[in-house]
Amino acid sequence: PCGSGDGLALHLGISRSFNRALDTVINGKTHLIDAGTINGRLFFSVCGVGFDALVSERFAKSGQRGILSYIEQGLTTWREFKPDKYSLTIDEATYETEAALITVGNSSQWGNGAQIAPLADISDGLLDVTVADMFTTLEIPSLAYLLMTGRLNKSGHVHCYRGKEISIRRNTSGPAHADGDWFEAGTEINIKVI
């Protein structure tokens, strides 16, 4: 684990300690896991559009690492954030929604213990889709608590789905992210499980 949030390592139970992680490499068990692609880019943990993608872009451009920088960028971004309208197709079902974010998880978390897709199973052949409705600033503490305790799916603002192929359409281009690394994406985003 050498990322800023280590979401994949934490989901897999790999220690952030170098020596313990090395011990896992030497003495651990191997498991076949799924991966995903977003517009042809490979990801192993999560990808998405909306608020988290915008924060990922600003975090990368800030030049600072660590959870405090994520929090700072999140709070700054929130002050001016407006939700987008999306057409979301999961396998054969289509949903029209206005959302703060759409995150697709192969594993459960963004990183640092923040479980955006708490029910995700990294080897079930499916991707977990988390759609978060817009919420108020006053609701952030309770949502953050659910996020950090693995119960975000219990919120009335959150809708969870599963599928193998996900298509997201939006009116304007903007950032998307794959495992926290942002990239500029168009109006159509295609995500598939491998």
N, C-alpha and C. Protein backbone atom coordinates (compact mmCIF):
# COMPACT_ATOMS: atom_id res chain seq x y z
N PRO A 1 0.82 -1.20 0.00
CA PRO A 1 0.00 0.00 0.00
C PRO A 1 0.87 1.27 0.00
N CYS A 2 0.70 2.08 -1.01
CA CYS A 2 1.50 3.31 -1.08
C CYS A 2 0.68 4.47 -1.63
N GLY A 3 -0.64 4.33 -1.64
CA GLY A 3 -1.49 5.42 -2.10
C GLY A 3 -1.80 6.37 -0.96
N SER A 4 -2.58 7.40 -1.26
CA SER A 4 -2.92 8.36 -0.21
C SER A 4 -4.03 7.83 0.69
N GLY A 5 -4.86 6.91 0.19
CA GLY A 5 -5.95 6.38 1.01
C GLY A 5 -5.89 4.88 1.20
N ASP A 6 -5.20 4.16 0.32
CA ASP A 6 -5.00 2.72 0.40
C ASP A 6 -6.30 1.93 0.50
N GLY A 7 -7.31 2.36 -0.27
CA GLY A 7 -8.62 1.70 -0.21
C GLY A 7 -8.59 0.23 -0.56
N LEU A 8 -7.85 -0.14 -1.61
CA LEU A 8 -7.80 -1.55 -2.00
C LEU A 8 -7.10 -2.38 -0.92
N ALA A 9 -5.97 -1.89 -0.43
CA ALA A 9 -5.25 -2.63 0.61
C ALA A 9 -6.11 -2.80 1.86
N LEU A 10 -6.79 -1.74 2.28
CA LEU A 10 -7.63 -1.84 3.48
C LEU A 10 -8.80 -2.80 3.25
N HIS A 11 -9.40 -2.77 2.05
CA HIS A 11 -10.49 -3.70 1.75
C HIS A 11 -10.00 -5.15 1.82
N LEU A 12 -8.78 -5.38 1.34
CA LEU A 12 -8.23 -6.74 1.32
C LEU A 12 -7.59 -7.15 2.65
N GLY A 13 -7.55 -6.24 3.62
CA GLY A 13 -6.96 -6.56 4.92
C GLY A 13 -5.45 -6.52 4.92
N ILE A 14 -4.85 -5.81 3.97
CA ILE A 14 -3.40 -5.68 3.91
C ILE A 14 -2.99 -4.48 4.77
N SER A 15 -2.04 -4.70 5.64
CA SER A 15 -1.60 -3.66 6.57
C SER A 15 -0.92 -2.51 5.82
N ARG A 16 -1.03 -1.31 6.38
CA ARG A 16 -0.31 -0.16 5.86
C ARG A 16 1.15 -0.17 6.33
N SER A 17 1.46 -1.01 7.29
CA SER A 17 2.84 -1.17 7.75
C SER A 17 3.62 -1.93 6.68
N PHE A 18 4.78 -1.39 6.28
CA PHE A 18 5.58 -2.03 5.24
C PHE A 18 5.93 -3.46 5.61
N ASN A 19 6.40 -3.68 6.83
CA ASN A 19 6.83 -5.02 7.25
C ASN A 19 5.66 -6.02 7.26
N ARG A 20 4.51 -5.59 7.74
CA ARG A 20 3.35 -6.49 7.75
C ARG A 20 2.84 -6.76 6.33
N ALA A 21 2.86 -5.73 5.49
CA ALA A 21 2.44 -5.93 4.10
C ALA A 21 3.40 -6.89 3.39
N LEU A 22 4.69 -6.75 3.64
CA LEU A 22 5.68 -7.65 3.05
C LEU A 22 5.46 -9.08 3.55
N ASP A 23 5.12 -9.23 4.82
CA ASP A 23 4.82 -10.55 5.36
C ASP A 23 3.61 -11.16 4.64
N THR A 24 2.63 -10.34 4.31
CA THR A 24 1.46 -10.82 3.56
C THR A 24 1.88 -11.31 2.18
N VAL A 25 2.78 -10.57 1.52
CA VAL A 25 3.27 -10.99 0.21
C VAL A 25 3.95 -12.35 0.30
N ILE A 26 4.74 -12.54 1.34
CA ILE A 26 5.51 -13.78 1.49
C ILE A 26 4.65 -14.94 1.99
N ASN A 27 3.81 -14.68 2.99
CA ASN A 27 3.08 -15.76 3.67
C ASN A 27 1.57 -15.76 3.43
N GLY A 28 1.06 -14.77 2.72
CA GLY A 28 -0.38 -14.66 2.54
C GLY A 28 -0.93 -15.63 1.52
N LYS A 29 -2.23 -15.63 1.38
CA LYS A 29 -2.92 -16.47 0.40
C LYS A 29 -3.25 -15.64 -0.83
N THR A 30 -3.30 -16.28 -1.98
CA THR A 30 -3.69 -15.57 -3.19
C THR A 30 -5.16 -15.85 -3.49
N HIS A 31 -5.83 -14.84 -4.02
CA HIS A 31 -7.23 -14.95 -4.39
C HIS A 31 -7.43 -14.27 -5.74
N LEU A 32 -8.25 -14.84 -6.57
CA LEU A 32 -8.62 -14.22 -7.82
C LEU A 32 -9.67 -13.15 -7.53
N ILE A 33 -9.43 -11.93 -8.01
CA ILE A 33 -10.37 -10.84 -7.77
C ILE A 33 -10.82 -10.24 -9.09
N ASP A 34 -11.92 -9.50 -9.03
CA ASP A 34 -12.42 -8.77 -10.19
C ASP A 34 -11.64 -7.47 -10.35
N ALA A 35 -11.79 -6.88 -11.51
CA ALA A 35 -11.32 -5.53 -11.78
C ALA A 35 -12.42 -4.87 -12.60
N GLY A 36 -12.22 -3.64 -12.96
CA GLY A 36 -13.19 -2.95 -13.79
C GLY A 36 -12.50 -2.01 -14.75
N THR A 37 -13.26 -1.55 -15.73
CA THR A 37 -12.77 -0.50 -16.62
C THR A 37 -13.79 0.62 -16.65
N ILE A 38 -13.28 1.85 -16.74
CA ILE A 38 -14.11 3.03 -16.93
C ILE A 38 -13.56 3.74 -18.16
N ASN A 39 -14.34 3.75 -19.22
CA ASN A 39 -13.91 4.28 -20.52
C ASN A 39 -12.54 3.73 -20.91
N GLY A 40 -12.35 2.43 -20.67
CA GLY A 40 -11.12 1.75 -21.05
C GLY A 40 -10.01 1.81 -20.03
N ARG A 41 -10.15 2.61 -18.97
CA ARG A 41 -9.13 2.72 -17.91
C ARG A 41 -9.40 1.65 -16.86
N LEU A 42 -8.36 0.96 -16.47
CA LEU A 42 -8.47 -0.10 -15.47
C LEU A 42 -8.61 0.49 -14.06
N PHE A 43 -9.46 -0.12 -13.24
CA PHE A 43 -9.52 0.22 -11.82
C PHE A 43 -9.77 -1.05 -11.02
N PHE A 44 -9.36 -1.03 -9.76
CA PHE A 44 -9.54 -2.19 -8.90
C PHE A 44 -10.47 -1.90 -7.72
N SER A 45 -10.51 -0.67 -7.25
CA SER A 45 -11.35 -0.32 -6.10
C SER A 45 -12.63 0.36 -6.54
N VAL A 46 -12.56 1.66 -6.81
CA VAL A 46 -13.75 2.42 -7.15
C VAL A 46 -13.47 3.41 -8.27
N CYS A 47 -14.54 3.79 -8.94
CA CYS A 47 -14.47 4.87 -9.92
C CYS A 47 -15.76 5.65 -9.80
N GLY A 48 -15.81 6.81 -10.44
CA GLY A 48 -17.05 7.54 -10.37
C GLY A 48 -17.03 8.92 -10.97
N VAL A 49 -18.18 9.57 -10.86
CA VAL A 49 -18.38 10.92 -11.35
C VAL A 49 -19.14 11.71 -10.29
N GLY A 50 -19.06 13.03 -10.40
CA GLY A 50 -19.76 13.89 -9.47
C GLY A 50 -18.81 14.46 -8.44
N PHE A 51 -19.32 14.63 -7.25
CA PHE A 51 -18.57 15.31 -6.19
C PHE A 51 -17.22 14.67 -5.92
N ASP A 52 -17.16 13.34 -5.80
CA ASP A 52 -15.88 12.69 -5.48
C ASP A 52 -14.87 12.84 -6.60
N ALA A 53 -15.32 12.87 -7.85
CA ALA A 53 -14.40 13.06 -8.97
C ALA A 53 -13.85 14.49 -8.97
N LEU A 54 -14.69 15.45 -8.65
CA LEU A 54 -14.24 16.84 -8.57
C LEU A 54 -13.23 17.02 -7.43
N VAL A 55 -13.49 16.40 -6.29
CA VAL A 55 -12.54 16.45 -5.18
C VAL A 55 -11.22 15.78 -5.57
N SER A 56 -11.28 14.65 -6.28
CA SER A 56 -10.07 13.97 -6.73
C SER A 56 -9.24 14.88 -7.63
N GLU A 57 -9.91 15.59 -8.53
CA GLU A 57 -9.19 16.51 -9.42
C GLU A 57 -8.50 17.61 -8.61
N ARG A 58 -9.24 18.22 -7.71
CA ARG A 58 -8.67 19.32 -6.92
C ARG A 58 -7.58 18.83 -5.98
N PHE A 59 -7.75 17.64 -5.42
CA PHE A 59 -6.73 17.05 -4.56
C PHE A 59 -5.43 16.85 -5.34
N ALA A 60 -5.53 16.30 -6.54
CA ALA A 60 -4.34 16.06 -7.37
C ALA A 60 -3.65 17.37 -7.73
N LYS A 61 -4.42 18.38 -8.05
CA LYS A 61 -3.85 19.66 -8.45
C LYS A 61 -3.28 20.44 -7.27
N SER A 62 -3.70 20.10 -6.04
CA SER A 62 -3.21 20.82 -4.86
C SER A 62 -1.75 20.52 -4.55
N GLY A 63 -1.29 19.33 -4.98
CA GLY A 63 0.10 18.95 -4.71
C GLY A 63 0.34 18.45 -3.30
N GLN A 64 -0.72 18.35 -2.49
CA GLN A 64 -0.58 17.86 -1.12
C GLN A 64 -1.21 16.49 -1.01
N ARG A 65 -0.69 15.64 -0.13
CA ARG A 65 -1.19 14.29 0.06
C ARG A 65 -1.83 14.16 1.44
N GLY A 66 -2.52 13.04 1.66
CA GLY A 66 -3.04 12.73 2.98
C GLY A 66 -4.51 13.08 3.16
N ILE A 67 -5.08 12.51 4.22
CA ILE A 67 -6.51 12.66 4.48
C ILE A 67 -6.91 14.10 4.79
N LEU A 68 -6.02 14.86 5.45
CA LEU A 68 -6.37 16.25 5.76
C LEU A 68 -6.53 17.08 4.50
N SER A 69 -5.71 16.79 3.50
CA SER A 69 -5.85 17.50 2.22
C SER A 69 -7.15 17.11 1.53
N TYR A 70 -7.53 15.82 1.59
CA TYR A 70 -8.82 15.39 1.04
C TYR A 70 -9.97 16.14 1.72
N ILE A 71 -9.92 16.23 3.03
CA ILE A 71 -10.98 16.91 3.78
C ILE A 71 -11.04 18.38 3.40
N GLU A 72 -9.87 19.01 3.31
CA GLU A 72 -9.82 20.43 2.92
C GLU A 72 -10.41 20.64 1.53
N GLN A 73 -10.01 19.81 0.58
CA GLN A 73 -10.54 19.94 -0.79
C GLN A 73 -12.04 19.63 -0.83
N GLY A 74 -12.48 18.67 -0.02
CA GLY A 74 -13.89 18.35 0.04
C GLY A 74 -14.73 19.50 0.55
N LEU A 75 -14.28 20.14 1.61
CA LEU A 75 -15.02 21.26 2.18
C LEU A 75 -15.04 22.46 1.24
N THR A 76 -13.90 22.74 0.61
CA THR A 76 -13.82 23.84 -0.35
C THR A 76 -14.74 23.59 -1.54
N THR A 77 -14.72 22.37 -2.05
CA THR A 77 -15.54 22.01 -3.21
C THR A 77 -17.03 22.07 -2.86
N TRP A 78 -17.38 21.64 -1.65
CA TRP A 78 -18.77 21.57 -1.25
C TRP A 78 -19.45 22.94 -1.28
N ARG A 79 -18.70 23.98 -0.94
CA ARG A 79 -19.28 25.33 -0.87
C ARG A 79 -19.91 25.78 -2.19
N GLU A 80 -19.36 25.31 -3.30
CA GLU A 80 -19.85 25.77 -4.61
C GLU A 80 -20.47 24.64 -5.44
N PHE A 81 -20.60 23.46 -4.86
CA PHE A 81 -21.02 22.29 -5.63
C PHE A 81 -22.50 22.31 -5.97
N LYS A 82 -22.81 21.92 -7.20
CA LYS A 82 -24.19 21.74 -7.67
C LYS A 82 -24.30 20.33 -8.26
N PRO A 83 -25.38 19.59 -7.95
CA PRO A 83 -25.53 18.23 -8.47
C PRO A 83 -25.79 18.24 -9.98
N ASP A 84 -25.47 17.13 -10.62
CA ASP A 84 -25.72 16.96 -12.05
C ASP A 84 -26.92 16.05 -12.26
N LYS A 85 -27.47 16.11 -13.47
CA LYS A 85 -28.53 15.18 -13.88
C LYS A 85 -27.88 14.08 -14.70
N TYR A 86 -28.27 12.85 -14.40
CA TYR A 86 -27.67 11.68 -15.04
C TYR A 86 -28.75 10.74 -15.56
N SER A 87 -28.39 10.05 -16.63
CA SER A 87 -29.13 8.88 -17.08
C SER A 87 -28.21 7.71 -16.79
N LEU A 88 -28.63 6.84 -15.91
CA LEU A 88 -27.81 5.74 -15.42
C LEU A 88 -28.42 4.42 -15.88
N THR A 89 -27.66 3.64 -16.63
CA THR A 89 -28.12 2.33 -17.06
C THR A 89 -27.24 1.27 -16.41
N ILE A 90 -27.88 0.35 -15.70
CA ILE A 90 -27.19 -0.76 -15.05
C ILE A 90 -27.74 -2.03 -15.66
N ASP A 91 -26.89 -2.71 -16.41
CA ASP A 91 -27.31 -3.84 -17.23
C ASP A 91 -28.49 -3.40 -18.10
N GLU A 92 -29.70 -3.85 -17.86
CA GLU A 92 -30.82 -3.49 -18.73
C GLU A 92 -31.74 -2.41 -18.14
N ALA A 93 -31.52 -2.02 -16.89
CA ALA A 93 -32.41 -1.05 -16.23
C ALA A 93 -31.83 0.37 -16.33
N THR A 94 -32.70 1.34 -16.64
CA THR A 94 -32.26 2.74 -16.75
C THR A 94 -32.97 3.58 -15.71
N TYR A 95 -32.22 4.50 -15.09
CA TYR A 95 -32.72 5.41 -14.07
C TYR A 95 -32.34 6.83 -14.47
N GLU A 96 -33.27 7.74 -14.31
CA GLU A 96 -32.99 9.17 -14.48
C GLU A 96 -32.86 9.74 -13.08
N THR A 97 -31.76 10.44 -12.81
CA THR A 97 -31.53 10.91 -11.46
C THR A 97 -30.72 12.20 -11.44
N GLU A 98 -30.95 12.98 -10.41
CA GLU A 98 -30.07 14.10 -10.10
C GLU A 98 -29.29 13.66 -8.88
N ALA A 99 -27.97 13.68 -8.95
CA ALA A 99 -27.17 13.09 -7.88
C ALA A 99 -25.96 13.95 -7.55
N ALA A 100 -25.55 13.86 -6.29
CA ALA A 100 -24.29 14.49 -5.87
C ALA A 100 -23.11 13.70 -6.41
N LEU A 101 -23.26 12.37 -6.45
CA LEU A 101 -22.20 11.52 -7.00
C LEU A 101 -22.75 10.17 -7.38
N ILE A 102 -22.05 9.54 -8.31
CA ILE A 102 -22.29 8.14 -8.65
C ILE A 102 -20.94 7.46 -8.56
N THR A 103 -20.81 6.54 -7.62
CA THR A 103 -19.57 5.80 -7.43
C THR A 103 -19.82 4.33 -7.73
N VAL A 104 -18.92 3.74 -8.50
CA VAL A 104 -19.02 2.32 -8.85
C VAL A 104 -17.88 1.61 -8.14
N GLY A 105 -18.23 0.65 -7.28
CA GLY A 105 -17.24 -0.01 -6.45
C GLY A 105 -17.04 -1.47 -6.80
N ASN A 106 -15.80 -1.83 -6.99
CA ASN A 106 -15.41 -3.24 -7.03
C ASN A 106 -15.08 -3.66 -5.60
N SER A 107 -14.41 -2.77 -4.87
CA SER A 107 -14.18 -2.97 -3.44
C SER A 107 -15.04 -1.95 -2.70
N SER A 108 -14.95 -1.94 -1.39
CA SER A 108 -15.90 -1.17 -0.60
C SER A 108 -15.54 0.29 -0.39
N GLN A 109 -14.28 0.68 -0.57
CA GLN A 109 -13.95 2.01 -0.09
C GLN A 109 -13.11 2.88 -0.99
N TRP A 110 -13.30 4.20 -0.73
CA TRP A 110 -12.45 5.21 -1.35
C TRP A 110 -11.04 5.10 -0.78
N GLY A 111 -10.95 4.86 0.51
CA GLY A 111 -9.68 4.81 1.22
C GLY A 111 -9.84 5.41 2.60
N ASN A 112 -8.83 5.22 3.43
CA ASN A 112 -8.82 5.73 4.80
C ASN A 112 -10.03 5.25 5.60
N GLY A 113 -10.60 4.11 5.22
CA GLY A 113 -11.73 3.55 5.94
C GLY A 113 -13.09 4.06 5.50
N ALA A 114 -13.15 4.97 4.51
CA ALA A 114 -14.42 5.53 4.03
C ALA A 114 -15.07 4.54 3.06
N GLN A 115 -16.10 3.85 3.54
CA GLN A 115 -16.74 2.76 2.78
C GLN A 115 -17.93 3.28 1.98
N ILE A 116 -17.65 3.68 0.74
CA ILE A 116 -18.66 4.24 -0.15
C ILE A 116 -19.57 3.15 -0.72
N ALA A 117 -19.07 1.94 -0.83
CA ALA A 117 -19.86 0.80 -1.34
C ALA A 117 -19.74 -0.34 -0.34
N PRO A 118 -20.36 -0.20 0.83
CA PRO A 118 -20.10 -1.12 1.94
C PRO A 118 -20.44 -2.58 1.67
N LEU A 119 -21.29 -2.86 0.69
CA LEU A 119 -21.69 -4.24 0.41
C LEU A 119 -20.87 -4.87 -0.71
N ALA A 120 -19.90 -4.15 -1.25
CA ALA A 120 -19.12 -4.65 -2.39
C ALA A 120 -18.31 -5.88 -2.03
N ASP A 121 -18.31 -6.83 -2.95
CA ASP A 121 -17.53 -8.06 -2.84
C ASP A 121 -16.59 -8.08 -4.04
N ILE A 122 -15.31 -8.08 -3.78
CA ILE A 122 -14.30 -7.90 -4.83
C ILE A 122 -14.15 -9.11 -5.75
N SER A 123 -14.88 -10.18 -5.47
CA SER A 123 -14.75 -11.36 -6.34
C SER A 123 -16.10 -12.00 -6.68
N ASP A 124 -17.16 -11.17 -6.73
CA ASP A 124 -18.49 -11.72 -7.05
C ASP A 124 -18.90 -11.54 -8.51
N GLY A 125 -18.02 -10.94 -9.32
CA GLY A 125 -18.35 -10.73 -10.73
C GLY A 125 -19.31 -9.58 -10.98
N LEU A 126 -19.55 -8.76 -9.96
CA LEU A 126 -20.46 -7.62 -10.07
C LEU A 126 -19.79 -6.36 -9.56
N LEU A 127 -20.30 -5.22 -9.99
CA LEU A 127 -19.88 -3.92 -9.47
C LEU A 127 -21.03 -3.34 -8.67
N ASP A 128 -20.71 -2.68 -7.57
CA ASP A 128 -21.72 -2.05 -6.72
C ASP A 128 -21.81 -0.57 -7.07
N VAL A 129 -23.01 -0.10 -7.36
CA VAL A 129 -23.23 1.28 -7.75
C VAL A 129 -23.88 2.02 -6.58
N THR A 130 -23.24 3.10 -6.15
CA THR A 130 -23.77 3.93 -5.07
C THR A 130 -24.14 5.28 -5.67
N VAL A 131 -25.41 5.63 -5.57
CA VAL A 131 -25.90 6.92 -6.04
C VAL A 131 -26.30 7.71 -4.80
N ALA A 132 -25.67 8.86 -4.61
CA ALA A 132 -25.98 9.71 -3.46
C ALA A 132 -26.76 10.94 -3.94
N ASP A 133 -27.96 11.10 -3.42
CA ASP A 133 -28.75 12.29 -3.70
C ASP A 133 -28.06 13.50 -3.07
N MET A 134 -28.42 14.67 -3.52
CA MET A 134 -27.89 15.89 -2.91
C MET A 134 -28.37 15.95 -1.46
N PHE A 135 -27.53 16.49 -0.61
CA PHE A 135 -27.84 16.60 0.81
C PHE A 135 -27.38 17.96 1.31
N THR A 136 -27.81 18.33 2.50
CA THR A 136 -27.48 19.65 3.04
C THR A 136 -26.19 19.57 3.85
N THR A 137 -25.61 20.71 4.10
CA THR A 137 -24.39 20.79 4.92
C THR A 137 -24.63 20.23 6.31
N LEU A 138 -25.83 20.45 6.86
CA LEU A 138 -26.14 19.95 8.19
C LEU A 138 -26.19 18.42 8.25
N GLU A 139 -26.42 17.78 7.10
CA GLU A 139 -26.50 16.32 7.06
C GLU A 139 -25.12 15.65 6.89
N ILE A 140 -24.09 16.44 6.64
CA ILE A 140 -22.76 15.87 6.40
C ILE A 140 -22.26 15.04 7.59
N PRO A 141 -22.36 15.50 8.84
CA PRO A 141 -21.85 14.69 9.94
C PRO A 141 -22.49 13.30 10.04
N SER A 142 -23.82 13.21 9.86
CA SER A 142 -24.46 11.89 9.96
C SER A 142 -24.09 11.01 8.78
N LEU A 143 -23.97 11.59 7.58
CA LEU A 143 -23.53 10.81 6.42
C LEU A 143 -22.08 10.36 6.57
N ALA A 144 -21.24 11.24 7.11
CA ALA A 144 -19.84 10.87 7.34
C ALA A 144 -19.73 9.73 8.34
N TYR A 145 -20.57 9.76 9.37
CA TYR A 145 -20.57 8.67 10.34
C TYR A 145 -20.95 7.34 9.67
N LEU A 146 -22.00 7.35 8.85
CA LEU A 146 -22.41 6.13 8.15
C LEU A 146 -21.32 5.67 7.18
N LEU A 147 -20.67 6.61 6.50
CA LEU A 147 -19.59 6.30 5.57
C LEU A 147 -18.44 5.60 6.29
N MET A 148 -18.06 6.11 7.44
CA MET A 148 -16.90 5.57 8.16
C MET A 148 -17.21 4.32 8.97
N THR A 149 -18.49 4.01 9.16
CA THR A 149 -18.86 2.80 9.90
C THR A 149 -19.40 1.69 8.99
N GLY A 150 -19.30 1.90 7.68
CA GLY A 150 -19.72 0.86 6.74
C GLY A 150 -21.22 0.69 6.63
N ARG A 151 -21.98 1.75 6.92
CA ARG A 151 -23.44 1.65 6.88
C ARG A 151 -24.07 2.74 6.00
N LEU A 152 -23.31 3.24 5.04
CA LEU A 152 -23.83 4.31 4.19
C LEU A 152 -25.09 3.87 3.44
N ASN A 153 -25.19 2.59 3.14
CA ASN A 153 -26.37 2.07 2.44
C ASN A 153 -27.65 2.22 3.26
N LYS A 154 -27.56 2.55 4.54
CA LYS A 154 -28.73 2.75 5.40
C LYS A 154 -29.32 4.15 5.28
N SER A 155 -28.60 5.06 4.61
CA SER A 155 -29.08 6.43 4.48
C SER A 155 -30.19 6.52 3.44
N GLY A 156 -31.18 7.37 3.71
CA GLY A 156 -32.24 7.63 2.74
C GLY A 156 -31.75 8.40 1.53
N HIS A 157 -30.58 9.01 1.62
CA HIS A 157 -29.99 9.76 0.50
C HIS A 157 -29.22 8.86 -0.46
N VAL A 158 -29.05 7.60 -0.11
CA VAL A 158 -28.17 6.70 -0.87
C VAL A 158 -28.98 5.56 -1.47
N HIS A 159 -28.71 5.28 -2.75
CA HIS A 159 -29.36 4.19 -3.46
C HIS A 159 -28.27 3.26 -3.97
N CYS A 160 -28.43 1.96 -3.73
CA CYS A 160 -27.41 0.98 -4.08
C CYS A 160 -27.95 -0.01 -5.10
N TYR A 161 -27.12 -0.30 -6.08
CA TYR A 161 -27.47 -1.23 -7.15
C TYR A 161 -26.26 -2.11 -7.43
N ARG A 162 -26.48 -3.18 -8.21
CA ARG A 162 -25.38 -4.05 -8.64
C ARG A 162 -25.55 -4.36 -10.12
N GLY A 163 -24.41 -4.53 -10.80
CA GLY A 163 -24.49 -4.89 -12.21
C GLY A 163 -23.13 -5.17 -12.79
N LYS A 164 -23.13 -5.63 -14.03
CA LYS A 164 -21.89 -5.95 -14.74
C LYS A 164 -21.48 -4.85 -15.71
N GLU A 165 -22.46 -4.17 -16.27
CA GLU A 165 -22.18 -3.08 -17.21
C GLU A 165 -22.98 -1.87 -16.79
N ILE A 166 -22.28 -0.74 -16.64
CA ILE A 166 -22.90 0.50 -16.19
C ILE A 166 -22.59 1.58 -17.21
N SER A 167 -23.61 2.31 -17.60
CA SER A 167 -23.44 3.45 -18.51
C SER A 167 -23.99 4.69 -17.81
N ILE A 168 -23.20 5.74 -17.80
CA ILE A 168 -23.61 7.00 -17.18
C ILE A 168 -23.58 8.07 -18.27
N ARG A 169 -24.71 8.75 -18.45
CA ARG A 169 -24.76 9.86 -19.40
C ARG A 169 -25.09 11.13 -18.62
N ARG A 170 -24.39 12.20 -19.00
CA ARG A 170 -24.62 13.50 -18.37
C ARG A 170 -24.61 14.57 -19.45
N ASN A 171 -25.07 15.77 -19.12
CA ASN A 171 -25.20 16.82 -20.11
C ASN A 171 -23.87 17.48 -20.49
N THR A 172 -22.93 17.55 -19.56
CA THR A 172 -21.66 18.22 -19.84
C THR A 172 -20.49 17.34 -19.46
N SER A 173 -19.37 17.54 -20.13
CA SER A 173 -18.13 16.84 -19.79
C SER A 173 -17.64 17.33 -18.44
N GLY A 174 -16.80 16.53 -17.82
CA GLY A 174 -16.24 16.90 -16.52
C GLY A 174 -15.32 15.82 -16.03
N PRO A 175 -14.85 15.95 -14.79
CA PRO A 175 -13.94 14.95 -14.28
C PRO A 175 -14.65 13.63 -13.93
N ALA A 176 -13.89 12.57 -14.01
CA ALA A 176 -14.25 11.26 -13.49
C ALA A 176 -13.01 10.77 -12.76
N HIS A 177 -13.12 9.68 -12.03
CA HIS A 177 -11.92 9.15 -11.38
C HIS A 177 -11.92 7.63 -11.45
N ALA A 178 -10.73 7.08 -11.45
CA ALA A 178 -10.51 5.64 -11.36
C ALA A 178 -9.51 5.43 -10.25
N ASP A 179 -9.95 4.79 -9.16
CA ASP A 179 -9.11 4.59 -7.98
C ASP A 179 -8.52 5.90 -7.47
N GLY A 180 -9.33 6.96 -7.53
CA GLY A 180 -8.91 8.25 -6.99
C GLY A 180 -8.10 9.11 -7.94
N ASP A 181 -7.68 8.55 -9.07
CA ASP A 181 -6.92 9.33 -10.05
C ASP A 181 -7.91 9.92 -11.05
N TRP A 182 -7.98 11.23 -11.09
CA TRP A 182 -8.97 11.90 -11.92
C TRP A 182 -8.51 11.96 -13.37
N PHE A 183 -9.47 12.06 -14.25
CA PHE A 183 -9.23 12.31 -15.67
C PHE A 183 -10.45 13.02 -16.23
N GLU A 184 -10.24 13.74 -17.31
CA GLU A 184 -11.35 14.45 -17.96
C GLU A 184 -12.16 13.43 -18.75
N ALA A 185 -13.46 13.41 -18.52
CA ALA A 185 -14.34 12.46 -19.20
C ALA A 185 -15.42 13.22 -19.94
N GLY A 186 -15.94 12.59 -20.94
CA GLY A 186 -16.98 13.20 -21.75
C GLY A 186 -18.35 13.08 -21.12
N THR A 187 -19.35 13.13 -21.96
CA THR A 187 -20.73 13.06 -21.48
C THR A 187 -21.22 11.63 -21.32
N GLU A 188 -20.48 10.67 -21.88
CA GLU A 188 -20.87 9.27 -21.74
C GLU A 188 -19.72 8.48 -21.11
N ILE A 189 -20.03 7.79 -20.04
CA ILE A 189 -19.05 7.00 -19.29
C ILE A 189 -19.52 5.56 -19.28
N ASN A 190 -18.64 4.65 -19.70
CA ASN A 190 -18.98 3.23 -19.74
C ASN A 190 -18.07 2.46 -18.81
N ILE A 191 -18.69 1.67 -17.95
CA ILE A 191 -17.97 0.92 -16.92
C ILE A 191 -18.35 -0.54 -17.02
N LYS A 192 -17.34 -1.40 -16.95
CA LYS A 192 -17.57 -2.85 -17.05
C LYS A 192 -16.74 -3.58 -16.02
N VAL A 193 -17.24 -4.73 -15.58
CA VAL A 193 -16.48 -5.60 -14.68
C VAL A 193 -15.66 -6.56 -15.51
N ILE A 194 -14.48 -6.89 -15.01
CA ILE A 194 -13.63 -7.91 -15.61
C ILE A 194 -13.49 -9.03 -14.57
